[in-house]
Amino acid sequence: MHQRIARIALVVRDYDEAIDFYVNKLDFELLEDTSLSPDKRWVVVSPPGARECSLLLAKAASEAQTKSIGNQTGGRVFLFLFTDDFDRDYEKYRERNIRFIRLPEILEYGKVAVFEDLYGNKWDLIQPDYKET
């Protein structure tokens, strides 16, 4: 048996502002943007080189969904972005005014910092098994 998580739905306020953030600030790739109805689109983005999992940007369609924008996990880190070059991405994101709420630190599993996306969802930026040179 083989299973995998292919998509994670991320509730957003607006498709275009979310695409702009993920593509232009985080350098994600826009994999698909298909209109399903006048109010609904199938929008998929992923980090460059990602093979297993991508984000489905899902526009909030109810009051309950709108209330969850930016807080889908009750304030915990929601998503984990692995990188092959922490320092490169950390500096690039800072230059693009990405808000880091926990400064970089080296832990037993790698180098990590926590940032927020445009809605306030918390992300770990991680270079696994980081070794200082």
Protein backbone atom coordinates (compact mmCIF):
# COMPACT_ATOMS: atom_id res chain seq x y z
CA MET A 1 0.00 0.00 0.00
CA HIS A 2 1.25 3.48 -0.81
CA GLN A 3 -0.37 6.66 0.44
CA ARG A 4 0.77 10.27 0.63
CA ILE A 5 -0.61 13.66 1.53
CA ALA A 6 -0.92 15.49 -1.77
CA ARG A 7 -2.57 18.80 -0.83
CA ILE A 8 -3.18 20.87 2.26
CA ALA A 9 -6.06 23.33 2.07
CA LEU A 10 -5.16 26.78 3.32
CA VAL A 11 -8.13 29.08 3.90
CA VAL A 12 -7.48 32.52 2.37
CA ARG A 13 -9.37 35.80 2.13
CA ASP A 14 -8.70 36.41 -1.56
CA TYR A 15 -7.18 34.20 -4.26
CA ASP A 16 -5.14 36.90 -5.96
CA GLU A 17 -3.61 38.39 -2.80
CA ALA A 18 -2.68 34.89 -1.64
CA ILE A 19 -1.14 34.02 -5.01
CA ASP A 20 0.81 37.28 -4.95
CA PHE A 21 2.22 36.52 -1.49
CA TYR A 22 3.18 32.91 -2.10
CA VAL A 23 4.54 33.42 -5.62
CA ASN A 24 6.21 36.83 -5.26
CA LYS A 25 7.30 36.81 -1.61
CA LEU A 26 8.08 33.13 -0.98
CA ASP A 27 8.97 32.19 -4.60
CA PHE A 28 6.43 29.38 -4.71
CA GLU A 29 5.31 28.11 -8.09
CA LEU A 30 1.73 28.57 -9.28
CA LEU A 31 0.85 25.04 -10.39
CA GLU A 32 -2.81 25.58 -11.22
CA ASP A 33 -5.41 28.33 -11.27
CA THR A 34 -8.67 27.01 -12.68
CA SER A 35 -12.03 28.71 -12.42
CA LEU A 36 -14.70 26.35 -11.09
CA SER A 37 -17.52 28.91 -10.79
CA PRO A 38 -17.82 32.69 -10.62
CA ASP A 39 -16.76 32.59 -6.93
CA LYS A 40 -14.58 29.50 -6.71
CA ARG A 41 -11.17 28.62 -8.14
CA TRP A 42 -8.84 25.65 -7.83
CA VAL A 43 -5.53 27.34 -6.97
CA VAL A 44 -2.48 25.22 -6.18
CA VAL A 45 0.97 26.51 -5.22
CA SER A 46 4.12 24.80 -4.02
CA PRO A 47 7.72 25.59 -3.14
CA PRO A 48 10.17 25.18 -6.00
CA GLY A 49 11.23 21.55 -6.29
CA ALA A 50 8.41 20.20 -4.10
CA ARG A 51 7.29 16.76 -5.17
CA GLU A 52 5.00 15.35 -2.52
CA CYS A 53 2.74 18.08 -1.20
CA SER A 54 1.34 21.42 -2.29
CA LEU A 55 -1.06 24.04 -0.95
CA LEU A 56 -4.61 24.41 -2.18
CA LEU A 57 -5.50 28.07 -1.63
CA ALA A 58 -9.17 27.88 -0.65
CA LYS A 59 -11.13 31.12 -0.46
CA ALA A 60 -13.28 31.31 2.66
CA ALA A 61 -16.91 30.65 1.75
CA SER A 62 -18.64 31.05 5.12
CA GLU A 63 -18.39 33.10 8.29
CA ALA A 64 -16.82 30.15 10.15
CA GLN A 65 -14.17 29.75 7.45
CA THR A 66 -13.47 33.49 7.42
CA LYS A 67 -12.88 33.37 11.19
CA SER A 68 -10.25 30.64 10.71
CA ILE A 69 -8.13 32.62 8.24
CA GLY A 70 -4.66 32.91 9.73
CA ASN A 71 -5.44 30.67 12.67
CA GLN A 72 -6.19 27.22 11.32
CA THR A 73 -4.21 25.57 14.12
CA GLY A 74 -5.19 27.68 17.10
CA GLY A 75 -1.95 29.64 17.13
CA ARG A 76 0.53 26.77 16.69
CA VAL A 77 3.02 26.52 13.86
CA PHE A 78 0.95 25.27 10.95
CA LEU A 79 3.33 24.51 8.09
CA PHE A 80 6.97 23.49 7.81
CA LEU A 81 9.03 24.77 4.90
CA PHE A 82 12.26 22.83 4.45
CA THR A 83 15.11 24.54 2.61
CA ASP A 84 18.53 23.52 1.36
CA ASP A 85 19.96 26.96 2.27
CA PHE A 86 18.50 28.52 5.40
CA ASP A 87 20.63 31.66 5.35
CA ARG A 88 19.77 32.45 1.72
CA ASP A 89 16.04 32.11 2.27
CA TYR A 90 16.00 33.81 5.66
CA GLU A 91 17.76 36.90 4.28
CA LYS A 92 15.60 36.96 1.14
CA TYR A 93 12.40 36.77 3.18
CA ARG A 94 13.58 39.50 5.56
CA GLU A 95 14.35 41.75 2.58
CA ARG A 96 10.79 41.08 1.36
CA ASN A 97 9.37 42.13 4.75
CA ILE A 98 8.30 38.67 5.85
CA ARG A 99 7.62 38.92 9.58
CA PHE A 100 9.73 36.54 11.67
CA ILE A 101 8.34 35.95 15.15
CA ARG A 102 11.13 33.65 16.31
CA LEU A 103 14.70 34.36 15.35
CA PRO A 104 16.94 31.66 13.85
CA GLU A 105 18.37 29.07 16.16
CA ILE A 106 20.30 25.87 15.70
CA LEU A 107 18.58 22.87 17.27
CA GLU A 108 19.38 19.18 17.22
CA TYR A 109 17.37 18.70 14.02
CA GLY A 110 18.57 21.74 12.10
CA LYS A 111 18.41 25.52 11.82
CA VAL A 112 14.93 26.98 12.27
CA ALA A 113 13.04 30.27 12.52
CA VAL A 114 9.32 30.98 12.66
CA PHE A 115 7.62 33.40 10.28
CA GLU A 116 4.06 34.45 9.53
CA ASP A 117 2.37 34.46 6.15
CA LEU A 118 0.17 37.32 5.00
CA TYR A 119 -2.72 36.11 7.18
CA GLY A 120 -0.73 35.31 10.31
CA ASN A 121 -0.38 31.54 9.89
CA LYS A 122 2.85 30.44 11.54
CA TRP A 123 5.49 28.63 9.49
CA ASP A 124 8.78 27.02 10.44
CA LEU A 125 11.59 27.72 7.99
CA ILE A 126 13.94 24.78 8.50
CA GLN A 127 17.21 23.56 7.08
CA PRO A 128 17.31 20.00 8.42
CA ASP A 129 20.56 18.85 9.99
CA TYR A 130 22.13 22.28 9.55
CA LYS A 131 25.83 22.39 10.37
CA GLU A 132 27.58 25.72 10.98
CA THR A 133 30.59 26.22 8.78
